Amino acid sequence: MSNSQKILIDKWGRQMDYLRIAVTDRCNLRCFYCMPAEGIDYLPKKELMTYEEILRATSLFRDLGVNKVRITGGEPFLRKGLINFLKELKTIKGLEKVHITTNGVLTAQYIEDLKRIGIDGVNLSIDSIDKENFKKITRRDEFDNVFSCLQKLIEADIHTKLNVVVMKGKNEHEIPAIAELAKHRNIHVRFIEEMPFNGSDYSTSDIWNHQQIIHSLESNFKTIERDITPKNDPATLYQIKGHEGKIGVIPAFSRTFCGTCNRIRMTALGTIKNCLYDDGVLDIKQLMRTGEKDESIKSELMRISMQKAQNGHQAEAARKNTKVIGESMSTIGG
């Protein structure tokens, strides 16, 4: 097999060219759908992948056709040395796009650095634009810092998407007001079905699904229309007439977009996940720390890519614990 043919492809014919990397499991918010109020037991520092290991792993993924990377957490800006790491990441030849997902609590002070480094986009998580409701959802009084971060990202002309998890009985009433943020701002506002990665039991009746989200939008914005959605985008895009930005709806729990999935994940612990809902399929950190050579690791990555479930429902059903998803999203990496 020639180098040009060595790509991460699954048995369904999908190529994985998008790597999501969690650099930490720590977070400075306590959103109830993600983790309990008391937080989680964080990983000891020695168990985290080092930046050097992450860079090596990313280079190996790049050799296998990955051309886009997203840095996540936890909250990535809680890890020391992140800016220098991002500089190194941007030097990997052939890596076309580097994005970051953040909750915005600490991010504003680094926006000039992100601009200078050439970060291609930032996803900002914000589930409420009502200060008191934000505090209830996140269990922290950080709304002013997060909204200030949004304003500064726009001023810096960094491509920005807002991630809004829609939660039954918590913030679905805010959908119209949050959508209005895109009226005079060139941003994407993306409404996401709740994924209960917090160790609690759940039923489908607890989830405000994408159809309900779309109904709310259509009821409040009569001129909303479907827009062109890029290939592999989990969001269905919409345009409201007269609005500068766009609206997206992501069926993250319904998982109707799995057929075009191009993602693979690496947790802060070094666990490779073919799907957000699986148990993890490879410990790349262990391979590195036991002296495996690059070609051997790439062979393992190609092997496990063939194990990718057809969709998230299959991946969830194959978990060892099928009743609940006991991980925190902070640990998984989003």
C-alpha atoms as a PDB file:
ATOM      1  CA  MET A   1       0.000   0.000   0.000  1.00  0.00           C
ATOM      2  CA  SER A   2       1.449   3.389  -0.992  1.00  0.00           C
ATOM      3  CA  ASN A   3       1.593   6.316   1.410  1.00  0.00           C
ATOM      4  CA  SER A   4      -1.085   8.112  -0.593  1.00  0.00           C
ATOM      5  CA  GLN A   5      -3.461   5.208   0.084  1.00  0.00           C
ATOM      6  CA  LYS A   6      -2.870   5.146   3.837  1.00  0.00           C
ATOM      7  CA  ILE A   7      -5.918   6.929   5.149  1.00  0.00           C
ATOM      8  CA  LEU A   8      -8.341   6.403   8.000  1.00  0.00           C
ATOM      9  CA  ILE A   9     -11.367   4.859   6.403  1.00  0.00           C
ATOM     10  CA  ASP A  10     -14.099   2.726   7.935  1.00  0.00           C
ATOM     11  CA  LYS A  11     -15.947  -0.271   6.518  1.00  0.00           C
ATOM     12  CA  TRP A  12     -18.813   2.040   5.561  1.00  0.00           C
ATOM     13  CA  GLY A  13     -16.532   3.993   3.220  1.00  0.00           C
ATOM     14  CA  ARG A  14     -16.248   7.117   5.388  1.00  0.00           C
ATOM     15  CA  GLN A  15     -12.877   8.824   5.671  1.00  0.00           C
ATOM     16  CA  MET A  16     -11.862  10.297   9.024  1.00  0.00           C
ATOM     17  CA  ASP A  17     -10.065  13.549   8.232  1.00  0.00           C
ATOM     18  CA  TYR A  18     -11.128  15.574  11.290  1.00  0.00           C
ATOM     19  CA  LEU A  19      -9.471  15.017  14.678  1.00  0.00           C
ATOM     20  CA  ARG A  20     -10.872  16.413  17.916  1.00  0.00           C
ATOM     21  CA  ILE A  21      -8.249  16.642  20.661  1.00  0.00           C
ATOM     22  CA  ALA A  22      -9.009  17.163  24.346  1.00  0.00           C
ATOM     23  CA  VAL A  23      -5.991  18.734  26.047  1.00  0.00           C
ATOM     24  CA  THR A  24      -7.501  18.632  29.542  1.00  0.00           C
ATOM     25  CA  ASP A  25     -10.464  17.217  31.420  1.00  0.00           C
ATOM     26  CA  ARG A  26     -10.626  20.215  33.759  1.00  0.00           C
ATOM     27  CA  CYS A  27     -13.367  22.827  33.517  1.00  0.00           C
ATOM     28  CA  ASN A  28     -14.187  26.005  35.414  1.00  0.00           C
ATOM     29  CA  LEU A  29     -17.945  25.665  34.858  1.00  0.00           C
ATOM     30  CA  ARG A  30     -20.264  22.993  36.243  1.00  0.00           C
ATOM     31  CA  CYS A  31     -22.976  22.728  33.587  1.00  0.00           C
ATOM     32  CA  PHE A  32     -25.439  20.190  34.960  1.00  0.00           C
ATOM     33  CA  TYR A  33     -25.748  18.222  31.700  1.00  0.00           C
ATOM     34  CA  CYS A  34     -21.987  17.683  31.658  1.00  0.00           C
ATOM     35  CA  MET A  35     -20.947  16.953  35.227  1.00  0.00           C
ATOM     36  CA  PRO A  36     -22.255  16.920  38.799  1.00  0.00           C
ATOM     37  CA  ALA A  37     -22.150  20.078  40.935  1.00  0.00           C
ATOM     38  CA  GLU A  38     -19.191  18.774  42.927  1.00  0.00           C
ATOM     39  CA  GLY A  39     -17.241  18.199  39.719  1.00  0.00           C
ATOM     40  CA  ILE A  40     -15.404  15.025  38.736  1.00  0.00           C
ATOM     41  CA  ASP A  41     -12.183  13.345  39.791  1.00  0.00           C
ATOM     42  CA  TYR A  42      -9.667  14.970  37.478  1.00  0.00           C
ATOM     43  CA  LEU A  43      -6.855  13.007  35.902  1.00  0.00           C
ATOM     44  CA  PRO A  44      -3.430  13.262  37.555  1.00  0.00           C
ATOM     45  CA  LYS A  45      -1.098  15.369  35.421  1.00  0.00           C
ATOM     46  CA  LYS A  46       1.218  12.416  34.719  1.00  0.00           C
ATOM     47  CA  GLU A  47      -1.696  10.550  33.115  1.00  0.00           C
ATOM     48  CA  LEU A  48      -2.437  13.360  30.658  1.00  0.00           C
ATOM     49  CA  MET A  49      -0.822  13.268  27.266  1.00  0.00           C
ATOM     50  CA  THR A  50       2.055  15.727  27.140  1.00  0.00           C
ATOM     51  CA  TYR A  51       1.997  18.422  24.488  1.00  0.00           C
ATOM     52  CA  GLU A  52       4.885  16.628  22.786  1.00  0.00           C
ATOM     53  CA  GLU A  53       2.857  13.418  22.644  1.00  0.00           C
ATOM     54  CA  ILE A  54      -0.173  15.265  21.289  1.00  0.00           C
ATOM     55  CA  LEU A  55       1.940  16.873  18.565  1.00  0.00           C
ATOM     56  CA  ARG A  56       3.437  13.516  17.631  1.00  0.00           C
ATOM     57  CA  ALA A  57       0.008  11.907  17.509  1.00  0.00           C
ATOM     58  CA  THR A  58      -1.376  14.751  15.401  1.00  0.00           C
ATOM     59  CA  SER A  59       1.483  14.355  12.917  1.00  0.00           C
ATOM     60  CA  LEU A  60       0.683  10.650  12.630  1.00  0.00           C
ATOM     61  CA  PHE A  61      -2.987  11.432  12.035  1.00  0.00           C
ATOM     62  CA  ARG A  62      -1.937  13.991   9.448  1.00  0.00           C
ATOM     63  CA  ASP A  63       0.083  11.306   7.632  1.00  0.00           C
ATOM     64  CA  LEU A  64      -3.172   9.332   7.481  1.00  0.00           C
ATOM     65  CA  GLY A  65      -5.181  12.104   5.841  1.00  0.00           C
ATOM     66  CA  VAL A  66      -6.404  14.204   8.767  1.00  0.00           C
ATOM     67  CA  ASN A  67      -6.364  17.864   7.744  1.00  0.00           C
ATOM     68  CA  LYS A  68      -8.527  19.516  10.391  1.00  0.00           C
ATOM     69  CA  VAL A  69      -8.026  19.604  14.161  1.00  0.00           C
ATOM     70  CA  ARG A  70     -10.211  20.973  16.923  1.00  0.00           C
ATOM     71  CA  ILE A  71      -8.770  21.600  20.384  1.00  0.00           C
ATOM     72  CA  THR A  72     -11.253  20.964  23.187  1.00  0.00           C
ATOM     73  CA  GLY A  73     -11.349  20.124  26.885  1.00  0.00           C
ATOM     74  CA  GLY A  74     -12.724  20.347  29.493  1.00  0.00           C
ATOM     75  CA  GLU A  75     -11.806  23.950  29.064  1.00  0.00           C
ATOM     76  CA  PRO A  76      -8.579  24.089  27.008  1.00  0.00           C
ATOM     77  CA  PHE A  77      -7.447  27.460  28.371  1.00  0.00           C
ATOM     78  CA  LEU A  78      -7.112  25.943  31.834  1.00  0.00           C
ATOM     79  CA  ARG A  79      -4.043  24.043  30.668  1.00  0.00           C
ATOM     80  CA  LYS A  80      -0.804  25.971  31.027  1.00  0.00           C
ATOM     81  CA  GLY A  81       1.247  26.568  27.912  1.00  0.00           C
ATOM     82  CA  LEU A  82      -1.691  26.252  25.520  1.00  0.00           C
ATOM     83  CA  ILE A  83      -0.692  29.194  23.306  1.00  0.00           C
ATOM     84  CA  ASN A  84       2.814  27.831  22.704  1.00  0.00           C
ATOM     85  CA  PHE A  85       1.309  24.425  21.956  1.00  0.00           C
ATOM     86  CA  LEU A  86      -1.065  25.992  19.422  1.00  0.00           C
ATOM     87  CA  LYS A  87       1.894  27.708  17.733  1.00  0.00           C
ATOM     88  CA  GLU A  88       3.604  24.334  17.347  1.00  0.00           C
ATOM     89  CA  LEU A  89       0.403  22.723  16.131  1.00  0.00           C
ATOM     90  CA  LYS A  90       0.050  25.297  13.369  1.00  0.00           C
ATOM     91  CA  THR A  91       3.514  24.363  12.052  1.00  0.00           C
ATOM     92  CA  ILE A  92       2.496  20.780  11.186  1.00  0.00           C
ATOM     93  CA  LYS A  93       2.769  20.646   7.421  1.00  0.00           C
ATOM     94  CA  GLY A  94      -0.463  19.805   5.653  1.00  0.00           C
ATOM     95  CA  LEU A  95      -2.713  20.593   8.588  1.00  0.00           C
ATOM     96  CA  GLU A  96      -5.168  22.955   6.929  1.00  0.00           C
ATOM     97  CA  LYS A  97      -7.393  24.049   9.807  1.00  0.00           C
ATOM     98  CA  VAL A  98      -7.011  24.403  13.567  1.00  0.00           C
ATOM     99  CA  HIS A  99     -10.109  25.309  15.578  1.00  0.00           C
ATOM    100  CA  ILE A 100     -10.810  25.671  19.294  1.00  0.00           C
ATOM    101  CA  THR A 101     -13.891  25.074  21.417  1.00  0.00           C
ATOM    102  CA  THR A 102     -14.019  27.088  24.647  1.00  0.00           C
ATOM    103  CA  ASN A 103     -16.477  28.243  27.286  1.00  0.00           C
ATOM    104  CA  GLY A 104     -15.026  31.762  27.073  1.00  0.00           C
ATOM    105  CA  VAL A 105     -14.408  32.313  30.786  1.00  0.00           C
ATOM    106  CA  LEU A 106     -10.642  32.825  30.353  1.00  0.00           C
ATOM    107  CA  THR A 107     -10.376  33.187  26.589  1.00  0.00           C
ATOM    108  CA  ALA A 108     -10.630  36.941  26.015  1.00  0.00           C
ATOM    109  CA  GLN A 109      -7.082  37.628  27.184  1.00  0.00           C
ATOM    110  CA  TYR A 110      -5.716  35.272  24.507  1.00  0.00           C
ATOM    111  CA  ILE A 111      -7.704  36.475  21.494  1.00  0.00           C
ATOM    112  CA  GLU A 112      -4.856  38.587  20.078  1.00  0.00           C
ATOM    113  CA  ASP A 113      -2.587  35.540  20.358  1.00  0.00           C
ATOM    114  CA  LEU A 114      -5.141  33.367  18.571  1.00  0.00           C
ATOM    115  CA  LYS A 115      -5.386  35.938  15.794  1.00  0.00           C
ATOM    116  CA  ARG A 116      -1.613  36.132  15.449  1.00  0.00           C
ATOM    117  CA  ILE A 117      -1.189  32.357  15.436  1.00  0.00           C
ATOM    118  CA  GLY A 118      -3.818  32.061  12.714  1.00  0.00           C
ATOM    119  CA  ILE A 119      -6.445  29.984  14.493  1.00  0.00           C
ATOM    120  CA  ASP A 120      -9.121  29.280  11.904  1.00  0.00           C
ATOM    121  CA  GLY A 121     -12.174  29.475  14.124  1.00  0.00           C
ATOM    122  CA  VAL A 122     -13.542  29.417  17.652  1.00  0.00           C
ATOM    123  CA  ASN A 123     -16.654  27.677  18.918  1.00  0.00           C
ATOM    124  CA  LEU A 124     -17.935  29.453  22.012  1.00  0.00           C
ATOM    125  CA  SER A 125     -20.274  27.554  24.313  1.00  0.00           C
ATOM    126  CA  ILE A 126     -23.062  29.702  25.752  1.00  0.00           C
ATOM    127  CA  ASP A 127     -26.373  28.145  26.762  1.00  0.00           C
ATOM    128  CA  SER A 128     -28.147  31.281  27.962  1.00  0.00           C
ATOM    129  CA  ILE A 129     -27.959  35.017  27.395  1.00  0.00           C
ATOM    130  CA  ASP A 130     -29.892  35.704  30.582  1.00  0.00           C
ATOM    131  CA  LYS A 131     -27.343  36.284  33.314  1.00  0.00           C
ATOM    132  CA  GLU A 132     -29.318  34.563  36.062  1.00  0.00           C
ATOM    133  CA  ASN A 133     -30.272  31.611  33.895  1.00  0.00           C
ATOM    134  CA  PHE A 134     -26.669  31.268  32.765  1.00  0.00           C
ATOM    135  CA  LYS A 135     -25.674  31.052  36.413  1.00  0.00           C
ATOM    136  CA  LYS A 136     -28.287  28.353  37.082  1.00  0.00           C
ATOM    137  CA  ILE A 137     -27.192  26.240  34.124  1.00  0.00           C
ATOM    138  CA  THR A 138     -23.441  26.568  34.664  1.00  0.00           C
ATOM    139  CA  ARG A 139     -23.514  26.886  38.466  1.00  0.00           C
ATOM    140  CA  ARG A 140     -21.037  29.750  38.063  1.00  0.00           C
ATOM    141  CA  ASP A 141     -21.416  33.552  37.759  1.00  0.00           C
ATOM    142  CA  GLU A 142     -19.336  34.013  34.611  1.00  0.00           C
ATOM    143  CA  PHE A 143     -21.807  35.370  32.056  1.00  0.00           C
ATOM    144  CA  ASP A 144     -20.140  38.787  31.726  1.00  0.00           C
ATOM    145  CA  ASN A 145     -16.762  37.223  30.916  1.00  0.00           C
ATOM    146  CA  VAL A 146     -18.267  34.866  28.353  1.00  0.00           C
ATOM    147  CA  PHE A 147     -20.329  37.506  26.556  1.00  0.00           C
ATOM    148  CA  SER A 148     -17.353  39.881  26.546  1.00  0.00           C
ATOM    149  CA  CYS A 149     -15.341  37.104  24.919  1.00  0.00           C
ATOM    150  CA  LEU A 150     -17.957  36.832  22.169  1.00  0.00           C
ATOM    151  CA  GLN A 151     -17.760  40.545  21.454  1.00  0.00           C
ATOM    152  CA  LYS A 152     -13.948  40.469  21.308  1.00  0.00           C
ATOM    153  CA  LEU A 153     -13.900  37.453  18.991  1.00  0.00           C
ATOM    154  CA  ILE A 154     -16.161  39.330  16.589  1.00  0.00           C
ATOM    155  CA  GLU A 155     -14.044  42.476  16.830  1.00  0.00           C
ATOM    156  CA  ALA A 156     -10.943  40.406  16.062  1.00  0.00           C
ATOM    157  CA  ASP A 157     -12.697  38.991  12.977  1.00  0.00           C
ATOM    158  CA  ILE A 158     -12.187  35.405  14.127  1.00  0.00           C
ATOM    159  CA  HIS A 159     -14.763  33.065  12.624  1.00  0.00           C
ATOM    160  CA  THR A 160     -17.092  32.317  15.532  1.00  0.00           C
ATOM    161  CA  LYS A 161     -19.794  29.744  16.150  1.00  0.00           C
ATOM    162  CA  LEU A 162     -21.967  29.720  19.255  1.00  0.00           C
ATOM    163  CA  ASN A 163     -22.779  26.307  20.703  1.00  0.00           C
ATOM    164  CA  VAL A 164     -26.105  26.359  22.533  1.00  0.00           C
ATOM    165  CA  VAL A 165     -27.245  23.141  24.205  1.00  0.00           C
ATOM    166  CA  VAL A 166     -31.053  23.199  24.329  1.00  0.00           C
ATOM    167  CA  MET A 167     -32.396  21.744  27.578  1.00  0.00           C
ATOM    168  CA  LYS A 168     -36.001  20.951  28.362  1.00  0.00           C
ATOM    169  CA  GLY A 169     -37.356  23.245  31.062  1.00  0.00           C
ATOM    170  CA  LYS A 170     -34.095  25.190  31.244  1.00  0.00           C
ATOM    171  CA  ASN A 171     -33.481  27.365  28.208  1.00  0.00           C
ATOM    172  CA  GLU A 172     -35.730  26.388  25.290  1.00  0.00           C
ATOM    173  CA  HIS A 173     -37.643  29.636  25.856  1.00  0.00           C
ATOM    174  CA  GLU A 174     -34.458  31.553  24.957  1.00  0.00           C
ATOM    175  CA  ILE A 175     -34.140  30.113  21.444  1.00  0.00           C
ATOM    176  CA  PRO A 176     -35.593  33.212  19.667  1.00  0.00           C
ATOM    177  CA  ALA A 177     -33.483  35.684  21.657  1.00  0.00           C
ATOM    178  CA  ILE A 178     -30.291  33.699  21.157  1.00  0.00           C
ATOM    179  CA  ALA A 179     -31.022  33.344  17.433  1.00  0.00           C
ATOM    180  CA  GLU A 180     -31.251  37.144  17.253  1.00  0.00           C
ATOM    181  CA  LEU A 181     -27.532  37.294  18.102  1.00  0.00           C
ATOM    182  CA  ALA A 182     -26.918  36.413  14.455  1.00  0.00           C
ATOM    183  CA  LYS A 183     -28.991  39.321  13.156  1.00  0.00           C
ATOM    184  CA  HIS A 184     -26.210  41.908  13.148  1.00  0.00           C
ATOM    185  CA  ARG A 185     -23.238  39.597  13.715  1.00  0.00           C
ATOM    186  CA  ASN A 186     -21.542  37.381  11.140  1.00  0.00           C
ATOM    187  CA  ILE A 187     -21.620  34.307  13.370  1.00  0.00           C
ATOM    188  CA  HIS A 188     -23.238  30.889  13.365  1.00  0.00           C
ATOM    189  CA  VAL A 189     -25.644  30.231  16.235  1.00  0.00           C
ATOM    190  CA  ARG A 190     -25.944  26.464  16.598  1.00  0.00           C
ATOM    191  CA  PHE A 191     -28.665  24.882  18.704  1.00  0.00           C
ATOM    192  CA  ILE A 192     -27.660  21.413  19.899  1.00  0.00           C
ATOM    193  CA  GLU A 193     -29.737  18.594  21.292  1.00  0.00           C
ATOM    194  CA  GLU A 194     -28.712  17.787  24.851  1.00  0.00           C
ATOM    195  CA  MET A 195     -26.457  14.763  25.289  1.00  0.00           C
ATOM    196  CA  PRO A 196     -26.664  13.583  28.907  1.00  0.00           C
ATOM    197  CA  PHE A 197     -22.986  12.766  29.421  1.00  0.00           C
ATOM    198  CA  ASN A 198     -23.086  13.293  33.168  1.00  0.00           C
ATOM    199  CA  GLY A 199     -23.561   9.836  34.588  1.00  0.00           C
ATOM    200  CA  SER A 200     -27.302  10.275  35.156  1.00  0.00           C
ATOM    201  CA  ASP A 201     -30.010   8.090  33.716  1.00  0.00           C
ATOM    202  CA  TYR A 202     -32.162   9.556  30.978  1.00  0.00           C
ATOM    203  CA  SER A 203     -35.031   8.873  28.630  1.00  0.00           C
ATOM    204  CA  THR A 204     -35.885  10.315  25.248  1.00  0.00           C
ATOM    205  CA  SER A 205     -38.713  12.312  26.845  1.00  0.00           C
ATOM    206  CA  ASP A 206     -36.060  14.319  28.701  1.00  0.00           C
ATOM    207  CA  ILE A 207     -34.545  15.558  25.423  1.00  0.00           C
ATOM    208  CA  TRP A 208     -35.793  18.605  23.531  1.00  0.00           C
ATOM    209  CA  ASN A 209     -35.141  17.263  20.047  1.00  0.00           C
ATOM    210  CA  HIS A 210     -34.110  18.952  16.822  1.00  0.00           C
ATOM    211  CA  GLN A 211     -37.647  18.939  15.453  1.00  0.00           C
ATOM    212  CA  GLN A 212     -38.854  20.925  18.448  1.00  0.00           C
ATOM    213  CA  ILE A 213     -35.941  23.345  18.028  1.00  0.00           C
ATOM    214  CA  ILE A 214     -36.773  23.867  14.354  1.00  0.00           C
ATOM    215  CA  HIS A 215     -40.462  24.354  15.190  1.00  0.00           C
ATOM    216  CA  SER A 216     -39.532  27.079  17.693  1.00  0.00           C
ATOM    217  CA  LEU A 217     -37.382  28.836  15.099  1.00  0.00           C
ATOM    218  CA  GLU A 218     -40.017  28.613  12.370  1.00  0.00           C
ATOM    219  CA  SER A 219     -42.707  29.880  14.737  1.00  0.00           C
ATOM    220  CA  ASN A 220     -40.672  32.945  15.636  1.00  0.00           C
ATOM    221  CA  PHE A 221     -38.959  33.684  12.312  1.00  0.00           C
ATOM    222  CA  LYS A 222     -41.358  33.409   9.382  1.00  0.00           C
ATOM    223  CA  THR A 223     -38.622  34.109   6.827  1.00  0.00           C
ATOM    224  CA  ILE A 224     -36.286  31.314   7.952  1.00  0.00           C
ATOM    225  CA  GLU A 225     -35.198  28.956   5.170  1.00  0.00           C
ATOM    226  CA  ARG A 226     -32.878  25.975   4.782  1.00  0.00           C
ATOM    227  CA  ASP A 227     -29.416  27.007   3.669  1.00  0.00           C
ATOM    228  CA  ILE A 228     -26.622  25.116   1.936  1.00  0.00           C
ATOM    229  CA  THR A 229     -24.973  22.818   4.463  1.00  0.00           C
ATOM    230  CA  PRO A 230     -21.319  21.844   3.877  1.00  0.00           C
ATOM    231  CA  LYS A 231     -20.486  18.159   3.538  1.00  0.00           C
ATOM    232  CA  ASN A 232     -19.797  16.420   6.874  1.00  0.00           C
ATOM    233  CA  ASP A 233     -21.305  19.295   8.875  1.00  0.00           C
ATOM    234  CA  PRO A 234     -23.414  17.877  11.725  1.00  0.00           C
ATOM    235  CA  ALA A 235     -25.517  21.039  11.711  1.00  0.00           C
ATOM    236  CA  THR A 236     -28.381  21.668   9.332  1.00  0.00           C
ATOM    237  CA  LEU A 237     -27.981  25.321   8.409  1.00  0.00           C
ATOM    238  CA  TYR A 238     -30.725  27.932   8.123  1.00  0.00           C
ATOM    239  CA  GLN A 239     -30.840  31.557   7.037  1.00  0.00           C
ATOM    240  CA  ILE A 240     -33.244  34.130   8.407  1.00  0.00           C
ATOM    241  CA  LYS A 241     -33.939  36.855   5.871  1.00  0.00           C
ATOM    242  CA  GLY A 242     -32.145  40.049   6.831  1.00  0.00           C
ATOM    243  CA  HIS A 243     -29.820  38.330   9.305  1.00  0.00           C
ATOM    244  CA  GLU A 244     -26.087  38.604   8.741  1.00  0.00           C
ATOM    245  CA  GLY A 245     -25.243  35.309  10.426  1.00  0.00           C
ATOM    246  CA  LYS A 246     -26.623  31.792  10.123  1.00  0.00           C
ATOM    247  CA  ILE A 247     -28.523  29.391  12.351  1.00  0.00           C
ATOM    248  CA  GLY A 248     -27.583  25.738  12.782  1.00  0.00           C
ATOM    249  CA  VAL A 249     -29.454  22.838  14.380  1.00  0.00           C
ATOM    250  CA  ILE A 250     -27.458  19.786  15.496  1.00  0.00           C
ATOM    251  CA  PRO A 251     -29.327  16.520  16.263  1.00  0.00           C
ATOM    252  CA  ALA A 252     -26.563  15.337  18.600  1.00  0.00           C
ATOM    253  CA  PHE A 253     -28.811  12.956  20.541  1.00  0.00           C
ATOM    254  CA  SER A 254     -30.987  11.859  17.612  1.00  0.00           C
ATOM    255  CA  ARG A 255     -27.804  11.250  15.589  1.00  0.00           C
ATOM    256  CA  THR A 256     -29.340  11.662  12.146  1.00  0.00           C
ATOM    257  CA  PHE A 257     -26.043  12.943  10.655  1.00  0.00           C
ATOM    258  CA  CYS A 258     -23.920   9.841  11.346  1.00  0.00           C
ATOM    259  CA  GLY A 259     -23.910   8.718   7.720  1.00  0.00           C
ATOM    260  CA  THR A 260     -21.413  11.420   6.776  1.00  0.00           C
ATOM    261  CA  CYS A 261     -19.311  11.371   9.956  1.00  0.00           C
ATOM    262  CA  ASN A 262     -15.636  12.206   9.370  1.00  0.00           C
ATOM    263  CA  ARG A 263     -14.549  12.591  13.000  1.00  0.00           C
ATOM    264  CA  ILE A 264     -12.209  10.763  15.304  1.00  0.00           C
ATOM    265  CA  ARG A 265     -11.438  11.804  18.877  1.00  0.00           C
ATOM    266  CA  MET A 266      -8.443  11.723  21.200  1.00  0.00           C
ATOM    267  CA  THR A 267      -9.101  12.294  24.888  1.00  0.00           C
ATOM    268  CA  ALA A 268      -6.722  14.006  27.293  1.00  0.00           C
ATOM    269  CA  LEU A 269      -5.870  10.534  28.595  1.00  0.00           C
ATOM    270  CA  GLY A 270      -4.840   9.384  25.109  1.00  0.00           C
ATOM    271  CA  THR A 271      -7.897   7.249  24.394  1.00  0.00           C
ATOM    272  CA  ILE A 272      -8.897   7.170  20.742  1.00  0.00           C
ATOM    273  CA  LYS A 273     -12.671   7.190  20.189  1.00  0.00           C
ATOM    274  CA  ASN A 274     -14.248   6.457  16.834  1.00  0.00           C
ATOM    275  CA  CYS A 275     -17.512   7.893  18.115  1.00  0.00           C
ATOM    276  CA  LEU A 276     -18.578  10.184  20.911  1.00  0.00           C
ATOM    277  CA  TYR A 277     -20.760   7.366  22.202  1.00  0.00           C
ATOM    278  CA  ASP A 278     -18.240   4.488  22.206  1.00  0.00           C
ATOM    279  CA  ASP A 279     -16.056   3.216  25.047  1.00  0.00           C
ATOM    280  CA  GLY A 280     -12.772   4.030  23.353  1.00  0.00           C
ATOM    281  CA  VAL A 281     -10.907   1.802  20.918  1.00  0.00           C
ATOM    282  CA  LEU A 282      -7.174   2.441  21.421  1.00  0.00           C
ATOM    283  CA  ASP A 283      -4.744   3.847  24.000  1.00  0.00           C
ATOM    284  CA  ILE A 284      -2.315   5.805  21.821  1.00  0.00           C
ATOM    285  CA  LYS A 285      -0.476   7.236  24.818  1.00  0.00           C
ATOM    286  CA  GLN A 286       0.382   3.729  26.017  1.00  0.00           C
ATOM    287  CA  LEU A 287       1.713   2.824  22.580  1.00  0.00           C
ATOM    288  CA  MET A 288       3.951   5.886  22.598  1.00  0.00           C
ATOM    289  CA  ARG A 289       5.214   5.380  26.130  1.00  0.00           C
ATOM    290  CA  THR A 290       6.097   1.749  25.493  1.00  0.00           C
ATOM    291  CA  GLY A 291       8.240   2.662  22.529  1.00  0.00           C
ATOM    292  CA  GLU A 292       6.076   1.785  19.532  1.00  0.00           C
ATOM    293  CA  LYS A 293       7.396   3.202  16.256  1.00  0.00           C
ATOM    294  CA  ASP A 294       5.398   5.650  14.138  1.00  0.00           C
ATOM    295  CA  GLU A 295       4.555   3.134  11.400  1.00  0.00           C
ATOM    296  CA  SER A 296       3.293   0.633  13.945  1.00  0.00           C
ATOM    297  CA  ILE A 297       1.034   3.229  15.559  1.00  0.00           C
ATOM    298  CA  LYS A 298      -0.314   4.308  12.183  1.00  0.00           C
ATOM    299  CA  SER A 299      -1.134   0.693  11.377  1.00  0.00           C
ATOM    300  CA  GLU A 300      -3.099   0.476  14.624  1.00  0.00           C
ATOM    301  CA  LEU A 301      -4.985   3.678  13.799  1.00  0.00           C
ATOM    302  CA  MET A 302      -5.902   2.300  10.393  1.00  0.00           C
ATOM    303  CA  ARG A 303      -7.014  -0.968  11.985  1.00  0.00           C
ATOM    304  CA  ILE A 304      -9.294   0.637  14.566  1.00  0.00           C
ATOM    305  CA  SER A 305     -10.850   2.971  12.012  1.00  0.00           C
ATOM    306  CA  MET A 306     -12.364  -0.116  10.384  1.00  0.00           C
ATOM    307  CA  GLN A 307     -14.144  -0.827  13.677  1.00  0.00           C
ATOM    308  CA  LYS A 308     -16.155   2.404  13.604  1.00  0.00           C
ATOM    309  CA  ALA A 309     -19.843   1.776  14.221  1.00  0.00           C
ATOM    310  CA  GLN A 310     -22.265   2.704  11.472  1.00  0.00           C
ATOM    311  CA  ASN A 311     -23.903   5.273  13.746  1.00  0.00           C
ATOM    312  CA  GLY A 312     -23.978   6.573  17.286  1.00  0.00           C
ATOM    313  CA  HIS A 313     -26.868   4.327  18.289  1.00  0.00           C
ATOM    314  CA  GLN A 314     -24.839   1.233  17.453  1.00  0.00           C
ATOM    315  CA  ALA A 315     -21.813   2.647  19.258  1.00  0.00           C
ATOM    316  CA  GLU A 316     -23.874   3.320  22.376  1.00  0.00           C
ATOM    317  CA  ALA A 317     -25.484  -0.140  22.285  1.00  0.00           C
ATOM    318  CA  ALA A 318     -22.037  -1.759  22.121  1.00  0.00           C
ATOM    319  CA  ARG A 319     -20.809  -0.056  25.278  1.00  0.00           C
ATOM    320  CA  LYS A 320     -20.004  -2.222  28.277  1.00  0.00           C
ATOM    321  CA  ASN A 321     -22.485  -0.215  30.334  1.00  0.00           C
ATOM    322  CA  THR A 322     -25.496   0.209  28.083  1.00  0.00           C
ATOM    323  CA  LYS A 323     -27.904   1.702  30.640  1.00  0.00           C
ATOM    324  CA  VAL A 324     -26.190   5.045  31.176  1.00  0.00           C
ATOM    325  CA  ILE A 325     -23.337   7.001  29.714  1.00  0.00           C
ATOM    326  CA  GLY A 326     -21.305   7.533  32.860  1.00  0.00           C
ATOM    327  CA  GLU A 327     -18.582   9.768  31.471  1.00  0.00           C
ATOM    328  CA  SER A 328     -18.520  13.521  31.760  1.00  0.00           C
ATOM    329  CA  MET A 329     -18.348  15.415  28.479  1.00  0.00           C
ATOM    330  CA  SER A 330     -15.416  17.177  30.114  1.00  0.00           C
ATOM    331  CA  THR A 331     -13.542  13.867  30.129  1.00  0.00           C
ATOM    332  CA  ILE A 332     -14.570  12.816  26.631  1.00  0.00           C
ATOM    333  CA  GLY A 333     -13.634  16.076  24.946  1.00  0.00           C
ATOM    334  CA  GLY A 334     -16.901  16.982  23.224  1.00  0.00           C
END
